[in-house]
Structures are given as C-alpha cells and as structure tokens.
Amino acid sequence: MLTSLKPEPEFMGYLKNTGRIKVLWKQKSSVTDDELLGHLEVIIEGGQVKIDGAQIV
C-alpha cells in the first residue's frame, strides 16, 4: 500500500509539546479511494532536531 500513495500529501496541522512536535498529513492512495493519516514526530534534543518516529495508518 505504501508504494501506491499519490505524491501530493495534504498538510493537516501539528501538535506541539515541550521539546516534541508531531506533524500530521493526509495522503490518498493512487489505486483505491482510500485516505491515510500520516504523522512525523520530531524532538528537539540538545539544540538539534531529531526524528523520533513516523507512521502512515
């Protein structure tokens, strides 16, 4: 399924906690009418931005 995503994600927003940001987007399948929710979680640690996780469900 992940190889069948349209290349144009739709930004939905972000959630912010102390030192942690979760970016949310919607992405559509190029094969079916399905819509998927994606999120990328980043943390700020020692002044550097690091990816803590990512998921498409």
Protein backbone atom coordinates (compact mmCIF):
# COMPACT_ATOMS: atom_id res chain seq x y z
CA MET A 1 0.00 0.00 0.00
CA LEU A 2 2.79 2.47 0.78
CA THR A 3 4.08 2.22 -2.77
CA SER A 4 0.61 3.19 -4.03
CA LEU A 5 0.41 6.67 -2.50
CA LYS A 6 -0.20 9.80 -4.52
CA PRO A 7 2.83 12.10 -4.28
CA GLU A 8 0.78 15.11 -3.04
CA PRO A 9 0.19 14.93 0.74
CA GLU A 10 -2.27 17.37 2.31
CA PHE A 11 -0.90 19.10 5.43
CA MET A 12 -3.44 18.94 8.27
CA GLY A 13 -1.61 20.58 11.16
CA TYR A 14 0.72 19.88 14.02
CA LEU A 15 0.62 19.13 17.73
CA LYS A 16 3.30 20.65 19.93
CA ASN A 17 4.50 19.63 23.39
CA THR A 18 7.62 20.74 25.21
CA GLY A 19 10.52 19.63 23.01
CA ARG A 20 8.30 17.45 20.77
CA ILE A 21 6.32 18.19 17.59
CA LYS A 22 4.01 15.84 15.70
CA VAL A 23 3.26 16.84 12.08
CA LEU A 24 0.00 15.43 10.64
CA TRP A 25 -0.96 14.98 6.98
CA LYS A 26 -3.49 13.14 4.83
CA GLN A 27 -2.38 11.12 1.84
CA LYS A 28 -4.50 9.40 -0.80
CA SER A 29 -3.96 6.06 -2.47
CA SER A 30 -3.28 6.11 -6.20
CA VAL A 31 -5.02 2.73 -6.60
CA THR A 32 -8.18 2.99 -4.43
CA ASP A 33 -10.29 5.78 -2.93
CA ASP A 34 -8.63 5.28 0.48
CA GLU A 35 -7.26 8.18 2.51
CA LEU A 36 -4.48 7.59 5.04
CA LEU A 37 -3.28 9.61 8.02
CA GLY A 38 0.43 10.17 8.37
CA HIS A 39 2.45 11.65 11.18
CA LEU A 40 6.07 12.50 11.72
CA GLU A 41 7.28 13.01 15.28
CA VAL A 42 10.37 15.10 15.89
CA ILE A 43 12.12 16.02 19.12
CA ILE A 44 14.46 18.83 19.97
CA GLU A 45 17.37 17.45 21.95
CA GLY A 46 20.47 19.42 22.80
CA GLY A 47 19.53 22.10 20.26
CA GLN A 48 19.24 19.53 17.44
CA VAL A 49 16.10 18.33 15.69
CA LYS A 50 15.82 14.54 15.55
CA ILE A 51 13.18 12.23 14.04
CA ASP A 52 11.59 10.16 16.79
CA GLY A 53 9.07 8.28 14.66
CA ALA A 54 6.86 8.27 11.60
CA GLN A 55 3.77 6.32 10.63
CA ILE A 56 1.10 6.14 7.96
CA VAL A 57 -2.15 4.47 9.05
